[in-house]
Amino acid sequence: IVSATAFHWIDPSVGLAKADRLLRPGGWVAL
């Protein structure tokens, strides 16, 4: 899951928690 100059617009109570939920085990988030 990648986001360029946009992740700060996401509800911080949702952002990383939802990214973790959508990723496979060992998947990466890149900001």
Full PDB file with SEQRES, HELIX, SHEET, SSBOND, CRYST1, ORIGX, SCALE, CONECT and MASTER records, all heavy atoms in Angstrom:
SEQRES   1 A   31  ILE VAL SER ALA THR ALA PHE HIS TRP ILE ASP PRO SER          
SEQRES   2 A   31  VAL GLY LEU ALA LYS ALA ASP ARG LEU LEU ARG PRO GLY          
SEQRES   3 A   31  GLY TRP VAL ALA LEU                                          
HELIX    1 AA1 PHE A    7  TRP A    9  5                                   3    
HELIX    2 AA2 GLY A   15  LEU A   22  1                                   8    
CRYST1    1.000    1.000    1.000  90.00  90.00  90.00 P 1           1          
ORIGX1      1.000000  0.000000  0.000000        0.00000                         
ORIGX2      0.000000  1.000000  0.000000        0.00000                         
ORIGX3      0.000000  0.000000  1.000000        0.00000                         
SCALE1      1.000000  0.000000  0.000000        0.00000                         
SCALE2      0.000000  1.000000  0.000000        0.00000                         
SCALE3      0.000000  0.000000  1.000000        0.00000                         
ATOM      1  N   ILE A   1       0.876  -1.167   0.000  1.00  0.00           N  
ATOM      2  CA  ILE A   1       0.000   0.000   0.000  1.00  0.00           C  
ATOM      3  C   ILE A   1       0.911   1.213   0.000  1.00  0.00           C  
ATOM      4  O   ILE A   1       1.780   1.351   0.866  1.00  0.00           O  
ATOM      5  CB  ILE A   1      -0.937   0.016   1.223  1.00  0.00           C  
ATOM      6  CG1 ILE A   1      -1.937  -1.143   1.148  1.00  0.00           C  
ATOM      7  CG2 ILE A   1      -1.677   1.350   1.312  1.00  0.00           C  
ATOM      8  CD1 ILE A   1      -2.862  -1.246   2.344  1.00  0.00           C  
ATOM      9  N   VAL A   2       0.733   2.090  -0.994  1.00  0.00           N  
ATOM     10  CA  VAL A   2       1.618   3.240  -1.144  1.00  0.00           C  
ATOM     11  C   VAL A   2       0.780   4.508  -1.251  1.00  0.00           C  
ATOM     12  O   VAL A   2      -0.318   4.504  -1.818  1.00  0.00           O  
ATOM     13  CB  VAL A   2       2.531   3.065  -2.384  1.00  0.00           C  
ATOM     14  CG1 VAL A   2       1.707   2.939  -3.656  1.00  0.00           C  
ATOM     15  CG2 VAL A   2       3.524   4.203  -2.497  1.00  0.00           C  
ATOM     16  N   SER A   3       1.290   5.584  -0.679  1.00  0.00           N  
ATOM     17  CA  SER A   3       0.590   6.861  -0.729  1.00  0.00           C  
ATOM     18  C   SER A   3       1.619   7.979  -0.815  1.00  0.00           C  
ATOM     19  O   SER A   3       2.537   8.053   0.007  1.00  0.00           O  
ATOM     20  CB  SER A   3      -0.296   7.047   0.506  1.00  0.00           C  
ATOM     21  OG  SER A   3      -1.034   8.257   0.412  1.00  0.00           O  
ATOM     22  N   ALA A   4       1.483   8.828  -1.820  1.00  0.00           N  
ATOM     23  CA  ALA A   4       2.434   9.911  -2.039  1.00  0.00           C  
ATOM     24  C   ALA A   4       1.774  11.261  -1.790  1.00  0.00           C  
ATOM     25  O   ALA A   4       0.825  11.633  -2.473  1.00  0.00           O  
ATOM     26  CB  ALA A   4       2.985   9.842  -3.467  1.00  0.00           C  
ATOM     27  N   THR A   5       2.259  11.950  -0.782  1.00  0.00           N  
ATOM     28  CA  THR A   5       1.782  13.285  -0.421  1.00  0.00           C  
ATOM     29  C   THR A   5       0.274  13.303  -0.231  1.00  0.00           C  
ATOM     30  O   THR A   5      -0.414  14.241  -0.631  1.00  0.00           O  
ATOM     31  CB  THR A   5       2.200  14.314  -1.498  1.00  0.00           C  
ATOM     32  OG1 THR A   5       3.516  14.003  -1.966  1.00  0.00           O  
ATOM     33  CG2 THR A   5       2.242  15.729  -0.928  1.00  0.00           C  
ATOM     34  N   ALA A   6      -0.254  12.245   0.377  1.00  0.00           N  
ATOM     35  CA  ALA A   6      -1.707  12.168   0.555  1.00  0.00           C  
ATOM     36  C   ALA A   6      -2.122  11.538   1.879  1.00  0.00           C  
ATOM     37  O   ALA A   6      -3.264  11.729   2.312  1.00  0.00           O  
ATOM     38  CB  ALA A   6      -2.323  11.369  -0.592  1.00  0.00           C  
ATOM     39  N   PHE A   7      -1.251  10.819   2.536  1.00  0.00           N  
ATOM     40  CA  PHE A   7      -1.671  10.057   3.710  1.00  0.00           C  
ATOM     41  C   PHE A   7      -2.081  10.958   4.874  1.00  0.00           C  
ATOM     42  O   PHE A   7      -2.859  10.552   5.746  1.00  0.00           O  
ATOM     43  CB  PHE A   7      -0.554   9.108   4.162  1.00  0.00           C  
ATOM     44  CG  PHE A   7      -1.039   7.911   4.925  1.00  0.00           C  
ATOM     45  CD1 PHE A   7      -1.684   6.861   4.277  1.00  0.00           C  
ATOM     46  CD2 PHE A   7      -0.872   7.820   6.302  1.00  0.00           C  
ATOM     47  CE1 PHE A   7      -2.146   5.751   4.980  1.00  0.00           C  
ATOM     48  CE2 PHE A   7      -1.327   6.717   7.014  1.00  0.00           C  
ATOM     49  CZ  PHE A   7      -1.970   5.681   6.353  1.00  0.00           C  
ATOM     50  N   HIS A   8      -1.596  12.191   4.888  1.00  0.00           N  
ATOM     51  CA  HIS A   8      -1.959  13.114   5.967  1.00  0.00           C  
ATOM     52  C   HIS A   8      -3.415  13.573   5.867  1.00  0.00           C  
ATOM     53  O   HIS A   8      -3.939  14.179   6.805  1.00  0.00           O  
ATOM     54  CB  HIS A   8      -1.032  14.331   5.992  1.00  0.00           C  
ATOM     55  CG  HIS A   8      -1.022  15.110   4.712  1.00  0.00           C  
ATOM     56  ND1 HIS A   8      -0.480  14.620   3.536  1.00  0.00           N  
ATOM     57  CD2 HIS A   8      -1.489  16.352   4.413  1.00  0.00           C  
ATOM     58  CE1 HIS A   8      -0.611  15.517   2.579  1.00  0.00           C  
ATOM     59  NE2 HIS A   8      -1.220  16.581   3.082  1.00  0.00           N  
ATOM     60  N   TRP A   9      -4.060  13.289   4.721  1.00  0.00           N  
ATOM     61  CA  TRP A   9      -5.473  13.639   4.573  1.00  0.00           C  
ATOM     62  C   TRP A   9      -6.397  12.550   5.090  1.00  0.00           C  
ATOM     63  O   TRP A   9      -7.616  12.729   5.131  1.00  0.00           O  
ATOM     64  CB  TRP A   9      -5.801  13.930   3.109  1.00  0.00           C  
ATOM     65  CG  TRP A   9      -5.080  15.108   2.541  1.00  0.00           C  
ATOM     66  CD1 TRP A   9      -4.199  15.123   1.511  1.00  0.00           C  
ATOM     67  CD2 TRP A   9      -5.175  16.471   2.987  1.00  0.00           C  
ATOM     68  NE1 TRP A   9      -3.743  16.392   1.281  1.00  0.00           N  
ATOM     69  CE2 TRP A   9      -4.326  17.238   2.170  1.00  0.00           C  
ATOM     70  CE3 TRP A   9      -5.905  17.111   3.997  1.00  0.00           C  
ATOM     71  CZ2 TRP A   9      -4.174  18.619   2.341  1.00  0.00           C  
ATOM     72  CZ3 TRP A   9      -5.757  18.469   4.170  1.00  0.00           C  
ATOM     73  CH2 TRP A   9      -4.910  19.218   3.352  1.00  0.00           C  
ATOM     74  N   ILE A  10      -5.849  11.424   5.498  1.00  0.00           N  
ATOM     75  CA  ILE A  10      -6.659  10.307   5.983  1.00  0.00           C  
ATOM     76  C   ILE A  10      -6.880  10.445   7.489  1.00  0.00           C  
ATOM     77  O   ILE A  10      -5.985  10.878   8.225  1.00  0.00           O  
ATOM     78  CB  ILE A  10      -5.963   8.965   5.677  1.00  0.00           C  
ATOM     79  CG1 ILE A  10      -5.838   8.782   4.159  1.00  0.00           C  
ATOM     80  CG2 ILE A  10      -6.712   7.792   6.282  1.00  0.00           C  
ATOM     81  CD1 ILE A  10      -4.967   7.625   3.766  1.00  0.00           C  
ATOM     82  N   ASP A  11      -8.046  10.071   7.942  1.00  0.00           N  
ATOM     83  CA  ASP A  11      -8.356  10.053   9.372  1.00  0.00           C  
ATOM     84  C   ASP A  11      -7.273   9.239  10.085  1.00  0.00           C  
ATOM     85  O   ASP A  11      -7.103   8.052   9.811  1.00  0.00           O  
ATOM     86  CB  ASP A  11      -9.728   9.408   9.577  1.00  0.00           C  
ATOM     87  CG  ASP A  11     -10.190   9.431  11.023  1.00  0.00           C  
ATOM     88  OD1 ASP A  11      -9.344   9.583  11.929  1.00  0.00           O  
ATOM     89  OD2 ASP A  11     -11.404   9.271  11.252  1.00  0.00           O  
ATOM     90  N   PRO A  12      -6.506   9.860  10.984  1.00  0.00           N  
ATOM     91  CA  PRO A  12      -5.414   9.131  11.627  1.00  0.00           C  
ATOM     92  C   PRO A  12      -5.865   7.961  12.480  1.00  0.00           C  
ATOM     93  O   PRO A  12      -5.078   7.049  12.748  1.00  0.00           O  
ATOM     94  CB  PRO A  12      -4.716  10.209  12.468  1.00  0.00           C  
ATOM     95  CG  PRO A  12      -5.746  11.268  12.672  1.00  0.00           C  
ATOM     96  CD  PRO A  12      -6.579  11.263  11.426  1.00  0.00           C  
ATOM     97  N   SER A  13      -7.125   7.953  12.882  1.00  0.00           N  
ATOM     98  CA  SER A  13      -7.618   6.808  13.641  1.00  0.00           C  
ATOM     99  C   SER A  13      -7.914   5.620  12.730  1.00  0.00           C  
ATOM    100  O   SER A  13      -8.137   4.503  13.203  1.00  0.00           O  
ATOM    101  CB  SER A  13      -8.882   7.194  14.425  1.00  0.00           C  
ATOM    102  OG  SER A  13      -9.972   7.430  13.555  1.00  0.00           O  
ATOM    103  N   VAL A  14      -7.898   5.866  11.411  1.00  0.00           N  
ATOM    104  CA  VAL A  14      -8.207   4.824  10.434  1.00  0.00           C  
ATOM    105  C   VAL A  14      -6.965   4.378   9.663  1.00  0.00           C  
ATOM    106  O   VAL A  14      -6.760   3.183   9.429  1.00  0.00           O  
ATOM    107  CB  VAL A  14      -9.282   5.316   9.436  1.00  0.00           C  
ATOM    108  CG1 VAL A  14      -9.495   4.298   8.317  1.00  0.00           C  
ATOM    109  CG2 VAL A  14     -10.586   5.612  10.158  1.00  0.00           C  
ATOM    110  N   GLY A  15      -6.133   5.343   9.268  1.00  0.00           N  
ATOM    111  CA  GLY A  15      -5.087   5.120   8.285  1.00  0.00           C  
ATOM    112  C   GLY A  15      -4.224   3.883   8.442  1.00  0.00           C  
ATOM    113  O   GLY A  15      -4.320   2.926   7.660  1.00  0.00           O  
ATOM    114  N   LEU A  16      -3.356   3.865   9.440  1.00  0.00           N  
ATOM    115  CA  LEU A  16      -2.424   2.751   9.588  1.00  0.00           C  
ATOM    116  C   LEU A  16      -3.120   1.471  10.016  1.00  0.00           C  
ATOM    117  O   LEU A  16      -2.727   0.381   9.594  1.00  0.00           O  
ATOM    118  CB  LEU A  16      -1.317   3.121  10.575  1.00  0.00           C  
ATOM    119  CG  LEU A  16      -0.317   4.173  10.068  1.00  0.00           C  
ATOM    120  CD1 LEU A  16       0.677   4.530  11.172  1.00  0.00           C  
ATOM    121  CD2 LEU A  16       0.439   3.660   8.835  1.00  0.00           C  
ATOM    122  N   ALA A  17      -4.158   1.598  10.822  1.00  0.00           N  
ATOM    123  CA  ALA A  17      -4.887   0.396  11.259  1.00  0.00           C  
ATOM    124  C   ALA A  17      -5.530  -0.297  10.070  1.00  0.00           C  
ATOM    125  O   ALA A  17      -5.483  -1.532   9.945  1.00  0.00           O  
ATOM    126  CB  ALA A  17      -5.942   0.768  12.298  1.00  0.00           C  
ATOM    127  N   LYS A  18      -6.117   0.484   9.166  1.00  0.00           N  
ATOM    128  CA  LYS A  18      -6.763  -0.121   8.007  1.00  0.00           C  
ATOM    129  C   LYS A  18      -5.723  -0.647   7.025  1.00  0.00           C  
ATOM    130  O   LYS A  18      -5.911  -1.721   6.419  1.00  0.00           O  
ATOM    131  CB  LYS A  18      -7.677   0.884   7.315  1.00  0.00           C  
ATOM    132  CG  LYS A  18      -8.464   0.280   6.156  1.00  0.00           C  
ATOM    133  CD  LYS A  18      -9.605   1.167   5.722  1.00  0.00           C  
ATOM    134  CE  LYS A  18     -10.455   0.495   4.647  1.00  0.00           C  
ATOM    135  NZ  LYS A  18     -11.645   1.298   4.301  1.00  0.00           N  
ATOM    136  N   ALA A  19      -4.610   0.071   6.859  1.00  0.00           N  
ATOM    137  CA  ALA A  19      -3.545  -0.427   5.991  1.00  0.00           C  
ATOM    138  C   ALA A  19      -3.059  -1.783   6.465  1.00  0.00           C  
ATOM    139  O   ALA A  19      -2.884  -2.712   5.665  1.00  0.00           O  
ATOM    140  CB  ALA A  19      -2.392   0.570   5.953  1.00  0.00           C  
ATOM    141  N   ASP A  20      -2.868  -1.921   7.751  1.00  0.00           N  
ATOM    142  CA  ASP A  20      -2.434  -3.200   8.318  1.00  0.00           C  
ATOM    143  C   ASP A  20      -3.454  -4.301   8.029  1.00  0.00           C  
ATOM    144  O   ASP A  20      -3.097  -5.423   7.668  1.00  0.00           O  
ATOM    145  CB  ASP A  20      -2.232  -3.043   9.827  1.00  0.00           C  
ATOM    146  CG  ASP A  20      -1.920  -4.357  10.516  1.00  0.00           C  
ATOM    147  OD1 ASP A  20      -0.921  -5.006  10.154  1.00  0.00           O  
ATOM    148  OD2 ASP A  20      -2.688  -4.744  11.416  1.00  0.00           O  
ATOM    149  N   ARG A  21      -4.714  -3.946   8.126  1.00  0.00           N  
ATOM    150  CA  ARG A  21      -5.784  -4.930   7.912  1.00  0.00           C  
ATOM    151  C   ARG A  21      -5.851  -5.390   6.452  1.00  0.00           C  
ATOM    152  O   ARG A  21      -6.186  -6.545   6.167  1.00  0.00           O  
ATOM    153  CB  ARG A  21      -7.116  -4.314   8.333  1.00  0.00           C  
ATOM    154  CG  ARG A  21      -8.259  -5.292   8.458  1.00  0.00           C  
ATOM    155  CD  ARG A  21      -9.435  -4.694   9.210  1.00  0.00           C  
ATOM    156  NE  ARG A  21     -10.091  -3.603   8.514  1.00  0.00           N  
ATOM    157  CZ  ARG A  21     -10.088  -2.336   8.932  1.00  0.00           C  
ATOM    158  NH1 ARG A  21      -9.451  -1.988  10.040  1.00  0.00           N  
ATOM    159  NH2 ARG A  21     -10.734  -1.396   8.256  1.00  0.00           N  
ATOM    160  N   LEU A  22      -5.518  -4.493   5.526  1.00  0.00           N  
ATOM    161  CA  LEU A  22      -5.611  -4.815   4.109  1.00  0.00           C  
ATOM    162  C   LEU A  22      -4.364  -5.499   3.554  1.00  0.00           C  
ATOM    163  O   LEU A  22      -4.394  -6.042   2.441  1.00  0.00           O  
ATOM    164  CB  LEU A  22      -5.876  -3.542   3.294  1.00  0.00           C  
ATOM    165  CG  LEU A  22      -7.209  -2.828   3.529  1.00  0.00           C  
ATOM    166  CD1 LEU A  22      -7.305  -1.601   2.641  1.00  0.00           C  
ATOM    167  CD2 LEU A  22      -8.384  -3.752   3.265  1.00  0.00           C  
ATOM    168  N   LEU A  23      -3.276  -5.469   4.292  1.00  0.00           N  
ATOM    169  CA  LEU A  23      -2.027  -6.051   3.816  1.00  0.00           C  
ATOM    170  C   LEU A  23      -1.939  -7.537   4.154  1.00  0.00           C  
ATOM    171  O   LEU A  23      -2.431  -7.985   5.194  1.00  0.00           O  
ATOM    172  CB  LEU A  23      -0.831  -5.325   4.442  1.00  0.00           C  
ATOM    173  CG  LEU A  23      -0.523  -3.926   3.887  1.00  0.00           C  
ATOM    174  CD1 LEU A  23       0.435  -3.191   4.814  1.00  0.00           C  
ATOM    175  CD2 LEU A  23       0.062  -4.014   2.466  1.00  0.00           C  
ATOM    176  N   ARG A  24      -1.283  -8.274   3.287  1.00  0.00           N  
ATOM    177  CA  ARG A  24      -0.970  -9.657   3.608  1.00  0.00           C  
ATOM    178  C   ARG A  24       0.078  -9.671   4.714  1.00  0.00           C  
ATOM    179  O   ARG A  24       0.783  -8.666   4.918  1.00  0.00           O  
ATOM    180  CB  ARG A  24      -0.437 -10.394   2.376  1.00  0.00           C  
ATOM    181  CG  ARG A  24       0.904  -9.852   1.868  1.00  0.00           C  
ATOM    182  CD  ARG A  24       1.571 -10.801   0.912  1.00  0.00           C  
ATOM    183  NE  ARG A  24       2.782 -10.226   0.323  1.00  0.00           N  
ATOM    184  CZ  ARG A  24       3.955 -10.160   0.947  1.00  0.00           C  
ATOM    185  NH1 ARG A  24       4.093 -10.585   2.189  1.00  0.00           N  
ATOM    186  NH2 ARG A  24       5.003  -9.626   0.330  1.00  0.00           N  
ATOM    187  N   PRO A  25       0.248 -10.759   5.440  1.00  0.00           N  
ATOM    188  CA  PRO A  25       1.332 -10.841   6.423  1.00  0.00           C  
ATOM    189  C   PRO A  25       2.680 -10.554   5.759  1.00  0.00           C  
ATOM    190  O   PRO A  25       3.013 -11.143   4.726  1.00  0.00           O  
ATOM    191  CB  PRO A  25       1.243 -12.287   6.908  1.00  0.00           C  
ATOM    192  CG  PRO A  25      -0.188 -12.654   6.716  1.00  0.00           C  
ATOM    193  CD  PRO A  25      -0.610 -11.962   5.443  1.00  0.00           C  
ATOM    194  N   GLY A  26       3.410  -9.610   6.295  1.00  0.00           N  
ATOM    195  CA  GLY A  26       4.686  -9.223   5.709  1.00  0.00           C  
ATOM    196  C   GLY A  26       4.584  -8.210   4.592  1.00  0.00           C  
ATOM    197  O   GLY A  26       5.601  -7.791   4.032  1.00  0.00           O  
ATOM    198  N   GLY A  27       3.341  -7.789   4.260  1.00  0.00           N  
ATOM    199  CA  GLY A  27       3.168  -6.753   3.246  1.00  0.00           C  
ATOM    200  C   GLY A  27       3.651  -5.401   3.769  1.00  0.00           C  
ATOM    201  O   GLY A  27       3.791  -5.202   4.978  1.00  0.00           O  
ATOM    202  N   TRP A  28       3.885  -4.479   2.853  1.00  0.00           N  
ATOM    203  CA  TRP A  28       4.499  -3.201   3.217  1.00  0.00           C  
ATOM    204  C   TRP A  28       3.557  -2.025   2.986  1.00  0.00           C  
ATOM    205  O   TRP A  28       2.770  -2.024   2.037  1.00  0.00           O  
ATOM    206  CB  TRP A  28       5.757  -2.978   2.379  1.00  0.00           C  
ATOM    207  CG  TRP A  28       6.916  -3.848   2.760  1.00  0.00           C  
ATOM    208  CD1 TRP A  28       7.047  -5.195   2.543  1.00  0.00           C  
ATOM    209  CD2 TRP A  28       8.107  -3.426   3.420  1.00  0.00           C  
ATOM    210  NE1 TRP A  28       8.253  -5.638   3.035  1.00  0.00           N  
ATOM    211  CE2 TRP A  28       8.931  -4.580   3.568  1.00  0.00           C  
ATOM    212  CE3 TRP A  28       8.567  -2.201   3.891  1.00  0.00           C  
ATOM    213  CZ2 TRP A  28      10.181  -4.530   4.175  1.00  0.00           C  
ATOM    214  CZ3 TRP A  28       9.830  -2.144   4.497  1.00  0.00           C  
ATOM    215  CH2 TRP A  28      10.615  -3.296   4.641  1.00  0.00           C  
ATOM    216  N   VAL A  29       3.703  -1.011   3.841  1.00  0.00           N  
ATOM    217  CA  VAL A  29       3.104   0.291   3.599  1.00  0.00           C  
ATOM    218  C   VAL A  29       4.250   1.253   3.325  1.00  0.00           C  
ATOM    219  O   VAL A  29       5.277   1.227   4.010  1.00  0.00           O  
ATOM    220  CB  VAL A  29       2.241   0.767   4.795  1.00  0.00           C  
ATOM    221  CG1 VAL A  29       3.056   0.927   6.067  1.00  0.00           C  
ATOM    222  CG2 VAL A  29       1.539   2.072   4.448  1.00  0.00           C  
ATOM    223  N   ALA A  30       4.098   2.075   2.280  1.00  0.00           N  
ATOM    224  CA  ALA A  30       5.130   3.032   1.889  1.00  0.00           C  
ATOM    225  C   ALA A  30       4.501   4.413   1.740  1.00  0.00           C  
ATOM    226  O   ALA A  30       3.545   4.581   0.977  1.00  0.00           O  
ATOM    227  CB  ALA A  30       5.785   2.604   0.577  1.00  0.00           C  
ATOM    228  N   LEU A  31       5.030   5.389   2.468  1.00  0.00           N  
ATOM    229  CA  LEU A  31       4.466   6.736   2.493  1.00  0.00           C  
ATOM    230  C   LEU A  31       5.528   7.728   2.040  1.00  0.00           C  
ATOM    231  O   LEU A  31       6.660   7.702   2.532  1.00  0.00           O  
ATOM    232  CB  LEU A  31       3.960   7.079   3.896  1.00  0.00           C  
ATOM    233  CG  LEU A  31       2.999   6.045   4.512  1.00  0.00           C  
ATOM    234  CD1 LEU A  31       2.617   6.458   5.922  1.00  0.00           C  
ATOM    235  CD2 LEU A  31       1.755   5.871   3.643  1.00  0.00           C  
TER     236      LEU A  31                                                      
MASTER        0    0    0    2    0    0    0    6  235    1    0    3          
END                                                                             
